[in-house]
N, C-alpha and C. Protein backbone atom coordinates (compact mmCIF):
# COMPACT_ATOMS: atom_id res chain seq x y z
N UNK A 1 -33.53 -27.36 70.08
CA UNK A 1 -34.86 -27.21 69.52
C UNK A 1 -35.92 -27.37 70.58
N UNK A 2 -35.78 -28.31 71.50
CA UNK A 2 -36.84 -28.55 72.47
C UNK A 2 -36.99 -27.41 73.46
N UNK A 3 -35.99 -26.53 73.59
CA UNK A 3 -36.13 -25.40 74.50
C UNK A 3 -37.15 -24.40 73.99
N UNK A 4 -37.41 -24.36 72.69
CA UNK A 4 -38.38 -23.44 72.12
C UNK A 4 -39.80 -23.99 72.16
N UNK A 5 -39.97 -25.21 72.60
CA UNK A 5 -41.29 -25.83 72.65
C UNK A 5 -42.13 -25.20 73.75
N UNK A 6 -43.43 -25.11 73.51
CA UNK A 6 -44.37 -24.63 74.52
C UNK A 6 -45.08 -25.84 75.09
N UNK A 7 -44.72 -26.19 76.31
CA UNK A 7 -45.23 -27.39 76.96
C UNK A 7 -46.56 -27.12 77.65
N UNK A 8 -47.45 -28.11 77.62
CA UNK A 8 -48.69 -28.02 78.38
C UNK A 8 -48.95 -29.37 79.04
N UNK A 9 -49.58 -29.31 80.20
CA UNK A 9 -49.83 -30.51 80.98
C UNK A 9 -51.06 -31.23 80.45
N UNK A 10 -51.00 -32.54 80.45
CA UNK A 10 -52.13 -33.35 80.04
C UNK A 10 -53.34 -33.06 80.92
N UNK A 11 -54.52 -33.07 80.33
CA UNK A 11 -55.74 -32.86 81.11
C UNK A 11 -55.99 -34.01 82.08
N UNK A 12 -55.32 -35.12 81.89
CA UNK A 12 -55.47 -36.27 82.78
C UNK A 12 -54.46 -36.24 83.94
N UNK A 13 -53.56 -35.29 83.93
CA UNK A 13 -52.56 -35.17 84.99
C UNK A 13 -53.08 -34.23 86.08
N UNK A 14 -52.66 -34.49 87.29
CA UNK A 14 -53.01 -33.60 88.40
C UNK A 14 -51.73 -33.18 89.10
N UNK A 15 -51.83 -32.18 89.94
CA UNK A 15 -50.66 -31.74 90.70
C UNK A 15 -50.39 -32.64 91.89
N UNK A 16 -51.35 -33.48 92.25
CA UNK A 16 -51.23 -34.31 93.44
C UNK A 16 -50.58 -35.66 93.20
N UNK A 17 -50.71 -36.18 91.99
CA UNK A 17 -50.25 -37.54 91.73
C UNK A 17 -48.84 -37.62 91.20
N UNK A 18 -48.28 -38.82 91.22
CA UNK A 18 -46.91 -39.00 90.74
C UNK A 18 -46.81 -39.10 89.21
N UNK A 19 -47.93 -39.28 88.54
CA UNK A 19 -47.92 -39.51 87.10
C UNK A 19 -48.40 -38.26 86.36
N UNK A 20 -47.48 -37.41 85.98
CA UNK A 20 -47.81 -36.18 85.28
C UNK A 20 -47.08 -36.15 83.94
N UNK A 21 -47.81 -35.78 82.91
CA UNK A 21 -47.27 -35.78 81.56
C UNK A 21 -47.45 -34.40 80.96
N UNK A 22 -46.42 -33.93 80.25
CA UNK A 22 -46.52 -32.70 79.49
C UNK A 22 -46.29 -33.03 78.02
N UNK A 23 -46.95 -32.25 77.17
CA UNK A 23 -46.88 -32.47 75.73
C UNK A 23 -46.57 -31.14 75.05
N UNK A 24 -45.80 -31.19 73.98
CA UNK A 24 -45.52 -30.02 73.16
C UNK A 24 -45.49 -30.44 71.70
N UNK A 25 -45.91 -29.55 70.84
CA UNK A 25 -45.90 -29.84 69.40
C UNK A 25 -44.90 -28.91 68.73
N UNK A 26 -43.94 -29.50 68.05
CA UNK A 26 -42.92 -28.71 67.34
C UNK A 26 -43.57 -28.05 66.12
N UNK A 27 -43.57 -26.74 66.04
CA UNK A 27 -44.24 -26.06 64.93
C UNK A 27 -43.63 -26.35 63.56
N UNK A 28 -42.35 -26.64 63.52
CA UNK A 28 -41.68 -26.83 62.23
C UNK A 28 -42.12 -28.09 61.52
N UNK A 29 -42.33 -29.18 62.28
CA UNK A 29 -42.62 -30.45 61.62
C UNK A 29 -43.75 -31.25 62.25
N UNK A 30 -44.50 -30.64 63.15
CA UNK A 30 -45.65 -31.27 63.83
C UNK A 30 -45.27 -32.51 64.63
N UNK A 31 -44.02 -32.59 65.06
CA UNK A 31 -43.61 -33.68 65.93
C UNK A 31 -44.17 -33.42 67.33
N UNK A 32 -44.73 -34.46 67.94
CA UNK A 32 -45.29 -34.36 69.29
C UNK A 32 -44.25 -34.85 70.28
N UNK A 33 -43.92 -34.01 71.25
CA UNK A 33 -42.94 -34.35 72.28
C UNK A 33 -43.68 -34.60 73.59
N UNK A 34 -43.23 -35.60 74.34
CA UNK A 34 -43.85 -35.97 75.62
C UNK A 34 -42.74 -36.06 76.66
N UNK A 35 -43.02 -35.52 77.87
CA UNK A 35 -42.04 -35.61 78.94
C UNK A 35 -42.75 -35.72 80.29
N UNK A 36 -42.00 -36.10 81.28
CA UNK A 36 -42.47 -36.19 82.66
C UNK A 36 -42.42 -34.79 83.25
N UNK A 37 -43.56 -34.27 83.68
CA UNK A 37 -43.58 -32.90 84.20
C UNK A 37 -42.93 -32.79 85.57
N UNK A 38 -42.76 -33.88 86.26
CA UNK A 38 -42.11 -33.85 87.58
C UNK A 38 -40.58 -33.78 87.46
N UNK A 39 -40.05 -34.18 86.30
CA UNK A 39 -38.61 -34.15 86.07
C UNK A 39 -38.37 -33.81 84.60
N UNK A 40 -38.44 -32.53 84.28
CA UNK A 40 -38.39 -32.09 82.89
C UNK A 40 -37.02 -32.21 82.24
N UNK A 41 -35.98 -32.47 83.03
CA UNK A 41 -34.63 -32.59 82.48
C UNK A 41 -34.31 -34.00 81.98
N UNK A 42 -35.17 -34.95 82.26
CA UNK A 42 -34.93 -36.32 81.82
C UNK A 42 -35.30 -36.48 80.35
N UNK A 43 -35.13 -37.66 79.85
CA UNK A 43 -35.38 -37.95 78.43
C UNK A 43 -36.83 -37.64 78.04
N UNK A 44 -37.00 -37.29 76.78
CA UNK A 44 -38.31 -37.01 76.22
C UNK A 44 -38.57 -37.99 75.09
N UNK A 45 -39.83 -38.22 74.82
CA UNK A 45 -40.22 -39.02 73.67
C UNK A 45 -40.69 -38.08 72.58
N UNK A 46 -40.46 -38.45 71.33
CA UNK A 46 -40.92 -37.66 70.20
C UNK A 46 -41.62 -38.57 69.21
N UNK A 47 -42.79 -38.14 68.75
CA UNK A 47 -43.60 -38.94 67.83
C UNK A 47 -43.93 -38.12 66.59
N UNK A 48 -43.86 -38.76 65.44
CA UNK A 48 -44.37 -38.13 64.22
C UNK A 48 -45.88 -37.98 64.39
N UNK A 49 -46.47 -36.99 63.73
CA UNK A 49 -47.89 -36.72 63.95
C UNK A 49 -48.78 -37.93 63.66
N UNK A 50 -48.47 -38.72 62.65
CA UNK A 50 -49.28 -39.90 62.34
C UNK A 50 -49.17 -40.95 63.44
N UNK A 51 -47.99 -41.15 63.97
CA UNK A 51 -47.80 -42.11 65.07
C UNK A 51 -48.54 -41.66 66.32
N UNK A 52 -48.51 -40.36 66.59
CA UNK A 52 -49.21 -39.84 67.76
C UNK A 52 -50.72 -40.02 67.60
N UNK A 53 -51.24 -39.73 66.43
CA UNK A 53 -52.67 -39.90 66.18
C UNK A 53 -53.09 -41.36 66.36
N UNK A 54 -52.26 -42.29 65.90
CA UNK A 54 -52.55 -43.71 66.06
C UNK A 54 -52.54 -44.10 67.54
N UNK A 55 -51.58 -43.58 68.30
CA UNK A 55 -51.51 -43.86 69.73
C UNK A 55 -52.74 -43.33 70.46
N UNK A 56 -53.12 -42.08 70.17
CA UNK A 56 -54.28 -41.49 70.84
C UNK A 56 -55.55 -42.25 70.50
N UNK A 57 -55.70 -42.66 69.25
CA UNK A 57 -56.88 -43.45 68.87
C UNK A 57 -56.90 -44.77 69.63
N UNK A 58 -55.76 -45.42 69.78
CA UNK A 58 -55.67 -46.69 70.52
C UNK A 58 -55.96 -46.46 72.01
N UNK A 59 -55.38 -45.43 72.58
CA UNK A 59 -55.54 -45.16 74.02
C UNK A 59 -56.97 -44.74 74.35
N UNK A 60 -57.65 -44.12 73.41
CA UNK A 60 -59.02 -43.67 73.65
C UNK A 60 -60.03 -44.78 73.50
N UNK A 61 -59.60 -45.90 72.92
CA UNK A 61 -60.51 -47.00 72.67
C UNK A 61 -60.81 -47.69 73.92
């Protein structure tokens, strides 16, 4: 399933730094997937849309 995801890089990530994050949203169930853009074959995190919204609200505070 994750191979069909369309990944995009976080606006806070740069090509120069070691900390790069990519995010994709699964169209079937609105699950948000997060991975390290420097090593895309490693483990990914997946969040239900409500959990992701809560995280973003907390991180933006």
